[in-house]
């Protein structure tokens, strides 16, 4: 593997985090929050698109891990979240990156060990897993958690494929 960009999309704040995952080890690269002005949604989507494009051009991640849309407080909130997500995904897809989607439950399960984890638990575990000096901002922690989830998922698939081929050889 290599550099993984995690995105926690939002129409007011979009978190991002990049990790380097090599040889079963995750290393922190960068993270932060894209803070969006109040105002027209198209302008905020443009900012998300441009900001994510700049991140991709600067750090050259190969894969994007993003949280799937869930039904938020209202249908309107879910639609705005989906549009913010779409702006980030298009910015990455335009750069030929592979895009992987995970549910909030999968991300929490992978990082904390329970799909019902609280945001503070996610922040704490991201800090521990990436050996950070302090807890990252909530949105940045969620983005880093998405990247970690992707790394763990891909490693599990590699391990399962290896175990399957070993079992096959033994049976012959």
N, C-alpha and C. Protein backbone atom coordinates (compact mmCIF):
# COMPACT_ATOMS: atom_id res chain seq x y z
N UNK A 1 0.83 -1.19 0.00
CA UNK A 1 0.00 0.00 0.00
C UNK A 1 0.87 1.24 0.00
N UNK A 2 0.24 2.36 0.22
CA UNK A 2 0.99 3.60 0.25
C UNK A 2 0.17 4.69 0.93
N UNK A 3 0.11 5.86 0.32
CA UNK A 3 -0.61 6.98 0.92
C UNK A 3 -2.11 6.84 0.72
N UNK A 4 -2.84 7.01 1.83
CA UNK A 4 -4.30 6.93 1.82
C UNK A 4 -4.85 8.25 2.34
N UNK A 5 -5.76 8.84 1.58
CA UNK A 5 -6.45 10.05 1.98
C UNK A 5 -7.81 9.66 2.55
N UNK A 6 -8.09 10.09 3.75
CA UNK A 6 -9.40 9.90 4.35
C UNK A 6 -10.14 11.23 4.35
N UNK A 7 -11.42 11.18 4.04
CA UNK A 7 -12.25 12.39 4.02
C UNK A 7 -13.47 12.18 4.89
N UNK A 8 -13.75 13.15 5.76
CA UNK A 8 -14.99 13.20 6.53
C UNK A 8 -15.76 14.39 6.00
N UNK A 9 -16.66 14.15 5.04
CA UNK A 9 -17.31 15.26 4.36
C UNK A 9 -18.35 15.97 5.22
N UNK A 10 -18.49 17.25 4.96
CA UNK A 10 -19.52 18.04 5.62
C UNK A 10 -19.73 19.32 4.83
N UNK A 11 -20.89 19.92 4.95
CA UNK A 11 -21.18 21.12 4.17
C UNK A 11 -20.69 22.39 4.87
N UNK A 12 -20.28 22.27 6.14
CA UNK A 12 -19.68 23.40 6.86
C UNK A 12 -18.22 23.15 7.22
N UNK A 13 -17.90 21.89 7.52
CA UNK A 13 -16.51 21.49 7.83
C UNK A 13 -16.27 20.14 7.17
N UNK A 14 -15.18 20.03 6.44
CA UNK A 14 -14.79 18.76 5.84
C UNK A 14 -13.42 18.39 6.40
N UNK A 15 -13.37 17.27 7.09
CA UNK A 15 -12.11 16.81 7.66
C UNK A 15 -11.32 16.02 6.64
N UNK A 16 -10.00 16.09 6.74
CA UNK A 16 -9.13 15.29 5.88
C UNK A 16 -7.98 14.75 6.71
N UNK A 17 -7.46 13.62 6.28
CA UNK A 17 -6.31 13.02 6.93
C UNK A 17 -5.59 12.12 5.96
N UNK A 18 -4.29 12.16 5.99
CA UNK A 18 -3.48 11.30 5.11
C UNK A 18 -2.56 10.47 5.98
N UNK A 19 -2.55 9.17 5.69
CA UNK A 19 -1.62 8.26 6.36
C UNK A 19 -0.80 7.53 5.31
N UNK A 20 0.36 7.08 5.73
CA UNK A 20 1.18 6.22 4.89
C UNK A 20 1.10 4.83 5.51
N UNK A 21 0.61 3.88 4.74
CA UNK A 21 0.46 2.51 5.26
C UNK A 21 1.36 1.59 4.46
N UNK A 22 2.39 1.10 5.12
CA UNK A 22 3.36 0.22 4.46
C UNK A 22 3.74 -0.90 5.43
N UNK A 23 3.72 -2.11 4.94
CA UNK A 23 4.16 -3.25 5.75
C UNK A 23 3.38 -3.43 7.03
N UNK A 24 2.09 -3.15 7.00
CA UNK A 24 1.26 -3.34 8.17
C UNK A 24 1.36 -2.24 9.20
N UNK A 25 2.05 -1.15 8.88
CA UNK A 25 2.20 -0.05 9.83
C UNK A 25 1.65 1.23 9.25
N UNK A 26 0.93 1.96 10.09
CA UNK A 26 0.36 3.25 9.70
C UNK A 26 1.20 4.37 10.26
N UNK A 27 1.45 5.35 9.41
CA UNK A 27 2.24 6.51 9.82
C UNK A 27 1.46 7.77 9.45
N UNK A 28 1.36 8.68 10.39
CA UNK A 28 0.67 9.95 10.16
C UNK A 28 1.44 10.81 9.18
N UNK A 29 0.73 11.41 8.23
CA UNK A 29 1.34 12.35 7.28
C UNK A 29 0.82 13.76 7.55
N UNK A 30 -0.49 13.96 7.48
CA UNK A 30 -1.07 15.27 7.74
C UNK A 30 -2.57 15.13 7.97
N UNK A 31 -3.17 16.15 8.53
CA UNK A 31 -4.62 16.18 8.70
C UNK A 31 -5.06 17.60 8.96
N UNK A 32 -6.35 17.82 8.85
CA UNK A 32 -6.89 19.14 9.12
C UNK A 32 -8.36 19.21 8.80
N UNK A 33 -8.86 20.42 8.81
CA UNK A 33 -10.27 20.67 8.55
C UNK A 33 -10.39 21.80 7.53
N UNK A 34 -11.17 21.55 6.50
CA UNK A 34 -11.50 22.58 5.53
C UNK A 34 -12.75 23.27 6.08
N UNK A 35 -12.59 24.51 6.52
CA UNK A 35 -13.72 25.26 7.09
C UNK A 35 -14.38 26.06 5.98
N UNK A 36 -15.67 25.87 5.86
CA UNK A 36 -16.40 26.46 4.75
C UNK A 36 -17.23 27.65 5.23
N UNK A 37 -17.30 28.70 4.43
CA UNK A 37 -18.09 29.86 4.82
C UNK A 37 -19.58 29.56 4.74
N UNK A 38 -20.34 30.32 5.50
CA UNK A 38 -21.79 30.18 5.33
C UNK A 38 -22.12 30.84 4.00
N UNK A 39 -23.21 30.48 3.45
CA UNK A 39 -23.58 31.06 2.16
C UNK A 39 -24.04 29.97 1.21
N UNK A 40 -23.97 30.27 -0.04
CA UNK A 40 -24.50 29.39 -1.08
C UNK A 40 -23.74 28.06 -1.12
N UNK A 41 -24.50 26.98 -1.20
CA UNK A 41 -23.91 25.65 -1.24
C UNK A 41 -22.98 25.45 -2.43
N UNK A 42 -23.32 25.91 -3.64
CA UNK A 42 -22.39 25.71 -4.76
C UNK A 42 -20.99 26.29 -4.50
N UNK A 43 -20.92 27.42 -3.83
CA UNK A 43 -19.62 28.02 -3.51
C UNK A 43 -18.86 27.14 -2.52
N UNK A 44 -19.55 26.59 -1.54
CA UNK A 44 -18.90 25.71 -0.56
C UNK A 44 -18.41 24.43 -1.23
N UNK A 45 -19.20 23.88 -2.17
CA UNK A 45 -18.79 22.67 -2.89
C UNK A 45 -17.54 22.94 -3.73
N UNK A 46 -17.48 24.13 -4.32
CA UNK A 46 -16.30 24.50 -5.11
C UNK A 46 -15.06 24.55 -4.23
N UNK A 47 -15.21 25.07 -3.01
CA UNK A 47 -14.09 25.14 -2.08
C UNK A 47 -13.63 23.73 -1.69
N UNK A 48 -14.58 22.84 -1.43
CA UNK A 48 -14.21 21.46 -1.10
C UNK A 48 -13.44 20.85 -2.27
N UNK A 49 -13.98 20.99 -3.47
CA UNK A 49 -13.33 20.42 -4.66
C UNK A 49 -11.91 20.96 -4.82
N UNK A 50 -11.75 22.27 -4.74
CA UNK A 50 -10.42 22.88 -4.92
C UNK A 50 -9.46 22.48 -3.81
N UNK A 51 -9.95 22.45 -2.58
CA UNK A 51 -9.09 22.11 -1.44
C UNK A 51 -8.62 20.66 -1.52
N UNK A 52 -9.53 19.75 -1.86
CA UNK A 52 -9.15 18.34 -1.97
C UNK A 52 -8.21 18.15 -3.16
N UNK A 53 -8.46 18.85 -4.25
CA UNK A 53 -7.56 18.78 -5.41
C UNK A 53 -6.15 19.23 -5.02
N UNK A 54 -6.05 20.31 -4.25
CA UNK A 54 -4.74 20.79 -3.79
C UNK A 54 -4.05 19.75 -2.91
N UNK A 55 -4.79 19.11 -2.02
CA UNK A 55 -4.22 18.07 -1.16
C UNK A 55 -3.67 16.91 -2.01
N UNK A 56 -4.46 16.50 -2.99
CA UNK A 56 -4.05 15.38 -3.84
C UNK A 56 -2.81 15.75 -4.65
N UNK A 57 -2.78 16.96 -5.17
CA UNK A 57 -1.61 17.39 -5.94
C UNK A 57 -0.37 17.53 -5.07
N UNK A 58 -0.53 17.97 -3.84
CA UNK A 58 0.61 18.17 -2.94
C UNK A 58 1.16 16.85 -2.39
N UNK A 59 0.28 15.93 -1.96
CA UNK A 59 0.72 14.72 -1.27
C UNK A 59 0.70 13.46 -2.14
N UNK A 60 -0.02 13.47 -3.24
CA UNK A 60 -0.12 12.34 -4.18
C UNK A 60 -0.59 11.03 -3.54
N UNK A 61 -1.68 11.06 -2.76
CA UNK A 61 -2.19 9.79 -2.25
C UNK A 61 -2.72 8.94 -3.40
N UNK A 62 -2.71 7.62 -3.22
CA UNK A 62 -3.17 6.72 -4.27
C UNK A 62 -4.63 6.32 -4.09
N UNK A 63 -5.13 6.38 -2.85
CA UNK A 63 -6.48 5.88 -2.58
C UNK A 63 -7.23 6.84 -1.67
N UNK A 64 -8.54 6.87 -1.86
CA UNK A 64 -9.42 7.69 -1.03
C UNK A 64 -10.33 6.77 -0.23
N UNK A 65 -10.43 7.04 1.06
CA UNK A 65 -11.40 6.36 1.93
C UNK A 65 -12.37 7.42 2.41
N UNK A 66 -13.65 7.19 2.16
CA UNK A 66 -14.66 8.19 2.51
C UNK A 66 -15.85 7.50 3.15
N UNK A 67 -16.47 8.20 4.08
CA UNK A 67 -17.63 7.65 4.75
C UNK A 67 -18.85 7.68 3.83
N UNK A 68 -19.62 6.60 3.85
CA UNK A 68 -20.86 6.55 3.08
C UNK A 68 -21.88 7.51 3.67
N UNK A 69 -22.82 7.92 2.84
CA UNK A 69 -23.89 8.80 3.31
C UNK A 69 -24.82 8.00 4.21
N UNK A 70 -25.25 8.62 5.27
CA UNK A 70 -26.24 8.03 6.16
C UNK A 70 -27.36 9.04 6.33
N UNK A 71 -28.50 8.59 6.76
CA UNK A 71 -29.62 9.51 6.95
C UNK A 71 -29.36 10.33 8.20
N UNK A 72 -29.05 11.57 7.99
CA UNK A 72 -28.72 12.47 9.09
C UNK A 72 -30.01 12.96 9.76
N UNK A 73 -29.92 14.11 10.40
CA UNK A 73 -31.07 14.66 11.11
C UNK A 73 -32.28 14.84 10.21
N UNK A 74 -32.01 15.17 8.96
CA UNK A 74 -33.12 15.39 8.03
C UNK A 74 -32.67 15.01 6.63
N UNK A 75 -33.63 14.87 5.74
CA UNK A 75 -33.31 14.55 4.35
C UNK A 75 -32.47 15.67 3.73
N UNK A 76 -32.76 16.91 4.08
CA UNK A 76 -31.99 18.05 3.56
C UNK A 76 -30.53 17.97 3.98
N UNK A 77 -30.29 17.61 5.25
CA UNK A 77 -28.91 17.47 5.74
C UNK A 77 -28.20 16.34 5.01
N UNK A 78 -28.90 15.24 4.79
CA UNK A 78 -28.30 14.10 4.09
C UNK A 78 -27.95 14.48 2.65
N UNK A 79 -28.81 15.27 2.01
CA UNK A 79 -28.53 15.70 0.63
C UNK A 79 -27.31 16.60 0.58
N UNK A 80 -27.20 17.54 1.51
CA UNK A 80 -26.03 18.43 1.55
C UNK A 80 -24.76 17.63 1.82
N UNK A 81 -24.84 16.69 2.74
CA UNK A 81 -23.70 15.83 3.05
C UNK A 81 -23.29 15.04 1.80
N UNK A 82 -24.27 14.52 1.08
CA UNK A 82 -23.98 13.77 -0.13
C UNK A 82 -23.33 14.62 -1.20
N UNK A 83 -23.74 15.87 -1.29
CA UNK A 83 -23.14 16.76 -2.27
C UNK A 83 -21.70 17.11 -1.89
N UNK A 84 -21.45 17.33 -0.60
CA UNK A 84 -20.09 17.61 -0.14
C UNK A 84 -19.20 16.39 -0.40
N UNK A 85 -19.73 15.24 -0.14
CA UNK A 85 -19.03 13.98 -0.39
C UNK A 85 -18.70 13.85 -1.87
N UNK A 86 -19.69 14.17 -2.70
CA UNK A 86 -19.51 14.08 -4.15
C UNK A 86 -18.41 15.01 -4.64
N UNK A 87 -18.34 16.22 -4.10
CA UNK A 87 -17.29 17.17 -4.51
C UNK A 87 -15.91 16.60 -4.19
N UNK A 88 -15.76 16.01 -3.02
CA UNK A 88 -14.47 15.43 -2.63
C UNK A 88 -14.14 14.21 -3.49
N UNK A 89 -15.13 13.37 -3.75
CA UNK A 89 -14.89 12.17 -4.56
C UNK A 89 -14.51 12.54 -5.98
N UNK A 90 -15.19 13.52 -6.58
CA UNK A 90 -14.87 13.94 -7.94
C UNK A 90 -13.46 14.51 -8.00
N UNK A 91 -13.05 15.28 -6.99
CA UNK A 91 -11.69 15.83 -6.96
C UNK A 91 -10.66 14.70 -7.00
N UNK A 92 -10.93 13.61 -6.31
CA UNK A 92 -10.00 12.47 -6.29
C UNK A 92 -10.10 11.64 -7.57
N UNK A 93 -11.31 11.38 -8.01
CA UNK A 93 -11.51 10.58 -9.22
C UNK A 93 -10.89 11.28 -10.43
N UNK A 94 -10.93 12.60 -10.46
CA UNK A 94 -10.33 13.36 -11.57
C UNK A 94 -8.82 13.18 -11.60
N UNK A 95 -8.24 12.80 -10.47
CA UNK A 95 -6.80 12.54 -10.38
C UNK A 95 -6.48 11.05 -10.51
N UNK A 96 -7.49 10.26 -10.95
CA UNK A 96 -7.33 8.82 -11.18
C UNK A 96 -7.09 8.02 -9.91
N UNK A 97 -7.57 8.52 -8.77
CA UNK A 97 -7.43 7.78 -7.52
C UNK A 97 -8.53 6.74 -7.39
N UNK A 98 -8.23 5.63 -6.73
CA UNK A 98 -9.24 4.64 -6.40
C UNK A 98 -10.02 5.15 -5.19
N UNK A 99 -11.34 4.95 -5.22
CA UNK A 99 -12.22 5.45 -4.16
C UNK A 99 -12.86 4.27 -3.45
N UNK A 100 -12.79 4.27 -2.12
CA UNK A 100 -13.37 3.21 -1.30
C UNK A 100 -14.29 3.85 -0.28
N UNK A 101 -15.46 3.25 -0.10
CA UNK A 101 -16.48 3.80 0.79
C UNK A 101 -16.73 2.83 1.96
N UNK A 102 -16.88 3.41 3.15
CA UNK A 102 -17.13 2.63 4.35
C UNK A 102 -18.24 3.28 5.16
N UNK A 103 -19.04 2.47 5.81
CA UNK A 103 -20.08 3.02 6.68
C UNK A 103 -19.43 3.56 7.96
N UNK A 104 -20.13 4.46 8.62
CA UNK A 104 -19.63 5.01 9.88
C UNK A 104 -19.39 3.88 10.87
N UNK A 105 -20.26 2.90 10.87
CA UNK A 105 -20.15 1.75 11.77
C UNK A 105 -18.88 0.94 11.48
N UNK A 106 -18.58 0.71 10.20
CA UNK A 106 -17.36 -0.02 9.82
C UNK A 106 -16.11 0.73 10.29
N UNK A 107 -16.12 2.04 10.09
CA UNK A 107 -14.95 2.85 10.46
C UNK A 107 -14.73 2.79 11.97
N UNK A 108 -15.79 2.98 12.74
CA UNK A 108 -15.68 2.93 14.20
C UNK A 108 -15.25 1.54 14.67
N UNK A 109 -15.81 0.51 14.08
CA UNK A 109 -15.46 -0.87 14.45
C UNK A 109 -13.97 -1.12 14.20
N UNK A 110 -13.49 -0.67 13.07
CA UNK A 110 -12.10 -0.90 12.69
C UNK A 110 -11.12 -0.18 13.62
N UNK A 111 -11.46 1.03 14.03
CA UNK A 111 -10.53 1.85 14.80
C UNK A 111 -10.70 1.67 16.30
N UNK A 112 -11.95 1.58 16.77
CA UNK A 112 -12.21 1.52 18.20
C UNK A 112 -12.52 0.10 18.68
N UNK A 113 -13.11 -0.70 17.81
CA UNK A 113 -13.47 -2.06 18.21
C UNK A 113 -14.97 -2.22 18.42
N UNK A 114 -15.70 -1.12 18.30
CA UNK A 114 -17.16 -1.19 18.38
C UNK A 114 -17.75 -0.17 17.41
N UNK A 115 -18.76 -0.59 16.69
CA UNK A 115 -19.41 0.28 15.73
C UNK A 115 -20.25 1.37 16.37
N UNK A 116 -20.45 1.28 17.67
CA UNK A 116 -21.25 2.28 18.38
C UNK A 116 -20.38 3.26 19.15
N UNK A 117 -19.11 3.37 18.79
CA UNK A 117 -18.17 4.24 19.51
C UNK A 117 -18.58 5.70 19.43
N UNK A 118 -18.25 6.44 20.46
CA UNK A 118 -18.48 7.89 20.51
C UNK A 118 -17.34 8.59 19.77
N UNK A 119 -17.58 9.82 19.37
CA UNK A 119 -16.56 10.60 18.65
C UNK A 119 -15.29 10.77 19.48
N UNK A 120 -15.43 10.94 20.79
CA UNK A 120 -14.25 11.11 21.64
C UNK A 120 -13.40 9.83 21.66
N UNK A 121 -14.05 8.67 21.59
CA UNK A 121 -13.32 7.41 21.54
C UNK A 121 -12.54 7.29 20.23
N UNK A 122 -13.16 7.72 19.14
CA UNK A 122 -12.48 7.70 17.84
C UNK A 122 -11.26 8.61 17.89
N UNK A 123 -11.43 9.82 18.42
CA UNK A 123 -10.31 10.74 18.53
C UNK A 123 -9.16 10.13 19.34
N UNK A 124 -9.50 9.53 20.45
CA UNK A 124 -8.47 8.93 21.32
C UNK A 124 -7.74 7.80 20.60
N UNK A 125 -8.48 6.91 19.95
CA UNK A 125 -7.83 5.76 19.30
C UNK A 125 -7.00 6.19 18.09
N UNK A 126 -7.44 7.20 17.36
CA UNK A 126 -6.64 7.73 16.25
C UNK A 126 -5.32 8.26 16.81
N UNK A 127 -5.39 8.98 17.92
CA UNK A 127 -4.18 9.51 18.57
C UNK A 127 -3.23 8.36 18.93
N UNK A 128 -3.78 7.31 19.53
CA UNK A 128 -2.97 6.16 19.97
C UNK A 128 -2.39 5.41 18.77
N UNK A 129 -3.24 5.07 17.80
CA UNK A 129 -2.81 4.27 16.66
C UNK A 129 -1.75 4.97 15.80
N UNK A 130 -1.86 6.29 15.70
CA UNK A 130 -0.91 7.04 14.87
C UNK A 130 0.19 7.71 15.70
N UNK A 131 0.18 7.44 17.01
CA UNK A 131 1.21 7.97 17.92
C UNK A 131 1.31 9.50 17.82
N UNK A 132 0.17 10.15 17.88
CA UNK A 132 0.13 11.61 17.79
C UNK A 132 0.34 12.23 19.17
N UNK A 133 0.92 13.41 19.24
CA UNK A 133 1.15 14.05 20.54
C UNK A 133 -0.13 14.54 21.21
N UNK A 134 -1.17 14.79 20.44
CA UNK A 134 -2.44 15.23 20.98
C UNK A 134 -3.57 14.71 20.13
N UNK A 135 -4.80 14.88 20.62
CA UNK A 135 -5.94 14.41 19.85
C UNK A 135 -6.24 15.37 18.71
N UNK A 136 -6.42 14.84 17.52
CA UNK A 136 -6.75 15.72 16.39
C UNK A 136 -8.16 16.27 16.52
N UNK A 137 -8.45 17.32 15.78
CA UNK A 137 -9.80 17.88 15.75
C UNK A 137 -10.77 16.78 15.35
N UNK A 138 -12.01 16.90 15.81
CA UNK A 138 -13.01 15.85 15.60
C UNK A 138 -13.15 15.44 14.13
N UNK A 139 -13.29 16.41 13.24
CA UNK A 139 -13.47 16.08 11.82
C UNK A 139 -12.21 15.47 11.21
N UNK A 140 -11.04 15.96 11.62
CA UNK A 140 -9.78 15.40 11.14
C UNK A 140 -9.61 13.97 11.67
N UNK A 141 -10.00 13.74 12.92
CA UNK A 141 -9.92 12.40 13.50
C UNK A 141 -10.81 11.43 12.75
N UNK A 142 -12.01 11.87 12.37
CA UNK A 142 -12.91 11.00 11.61
C UNK A 142 -12.33 10.67 10.24
N UNK A 143 -11.67 11.64 9.62
CA UNK A 143 -11.04 11.41 8.32
C UNK A 143 -9.86 10.43 8.46
N UNK A 144 -9.04 10.63 9.47
CA UNK A 144 -7.93 9.71 9.72
C UNK A 144 -8.45 8.31 10.03
N UNK A 145 -9.57 8.24 10.75
CA UNK A 145 -10.17 6.94 11.07
C UNK A 145 -10.63 6.23 9.80
N UNK A 146 -11.17 6.99 8.85
CA UNK A 146 -11.57 6.38 7.57
C UNK A 146 -10.36 5.82 6.83
N UNK A 147 -9.26 6.56 6.84
CA UNK A 147 -8.02 6.08 6.19
C UNK A 147 -7.50 4.83 6.90
N UNK A 148 -7.52 4.83 8.23
CA UNK A 148 -7.08 3.66 8.99
C UNK A 148 -7.98 2.45 8.72
N UNK A 149 -9.28 2.68 8.64
CA UNK A 149 -10.23 1.61 8.34
C UNK A 149 -9.89 0.98 6.99
N UNK A 150 -9.61 1.83 6.00
CA UNK A 150 -9.27 1.32 4.68
C UNK A 150 -7.98 0.49 4.73
N UNK A 151 -6.98 0.99 5.43
CA UNK A 151 -5.72 0.27 5.55
C UNK A 151 -5.94 -1.09 6.21
N UNK A 152 -6.71 -1.12 7.29
CA UNK A 152 -6.98 -2.37 8.01
C UNK A 152 -7.78 -3.34 7.14
N UNK A 153 -8.75 -2.82 6.41
CA UNK A 153 -9.58 -3.66 5.53
C UNK A 153 -8.74 -4.28 4.42
N UNK A 154 -7.91 -3.46 3.80
CA UNK A 154 -7.07 -3.97 2.71
C UNK A 154 -6.07 -5.02 3.24
N UNK A 155 -5.51 -4.76 4.42
CA UNK A 155 -4.56 -5.72 5.00
C UNK A 155 -5.26 -7.03 5.33
N UNK A 156 -6.48 -6.95 5.84
CA UNK A 156 -7.25 -8.17 6.14
C UNK A 156 -7.51 -8.97 4.87
N UNK A 157 -7.84 -8.28 3.79
CA UNK A 157 -8.08 -8.97 2.52
C UNK A 157 -6.82 -9.65 2.01
N UNK A 158 -5.68 -8.98 2.16
CA UNK A 158 -4.40 -9.56 1.74
C UNK A 158 -4.10 -10.79 2.59
N UNK A 159 -4.32 -10.67 3.91
CA UNK A 159 -4.07 -11.80 4.80
C UNK A 159 -4.98 -12.99 4.46
N UNK A 160 -6.25 -12.70 4.18
CA UNK A 160 -7.19 -13.79 3.84
C UNK A 160 -6.80 -14.46 2.52
N UNK A 161 -6.38 -13.67 1.56
CA UNK A 161 -5.96 -14.24 0.27
C UNK A 161 -4.74 -15.13 0.46
N UNK A 162 -3.82 -14.70 1.30
CA UNK A 162 -2.63 -15.50 1.58
C UNK A 162 -2.97 -16.78 2.30
N UNK A 163 -3.87 -16.71 3.26
CA UNK A 163 -4.28 -17.89 4.01
C UNK A 163 -5.01 -18.86 3.10
N UNK A 164 -5.82 -18.34 2.18
CA UNK A 164 -6.56 -19.20 1.26
C UNK A 164 -5.60 -19.96 0.34
N UNK A 165 -4.58 -19.27 -0.17
CA UNK A 165 -3.65 -19.95 -1.07
C UNK A 165 -2.80 -20.96 -0.31
N UNK A 166 -2.48 -20.69 0.95
CA UNK A 166 -1.72 -21.64 1.76
C UNK A 166 -2.57 -22.88 1.99
N UNK A 167 -3.84 -22.71 2.32
CA UNK A 167 -4.73 -23.84 2.56
C UNK A 167 -4.86 -24.69 1.30
N UNK A 168 -4.96 -24.06 0.17
CA UNK A 168 -5.10 -24.79 -1.08
C UNK A 168 -3.87 -25.65 -1.35
N UNK A 169 -2.70 -25.09 -1.10
CA UNK A 169 -1.48 -25.85 -1.35
C UNK A 169 -1.39 -27.07 -0.42
N UNK A 170 -1.83 -26.92 0.79
CA UNK A 170 -1.77 -28.03 1.74
C UNK A 170 -2.70 -29.16 1.36
N UNK A 171 -3.82 -28.83 0.73
CA UNK A 171 -4.81 -29.83 0.41
C UNK A 171 -4.37 -30.73 -0.76
N UNK A 172 -3.47 -30.29 -1.53
CA UNK A 172 -3.06 -31.05 -2.71
C UNK A 172 -2.17 -32.17 -2.38
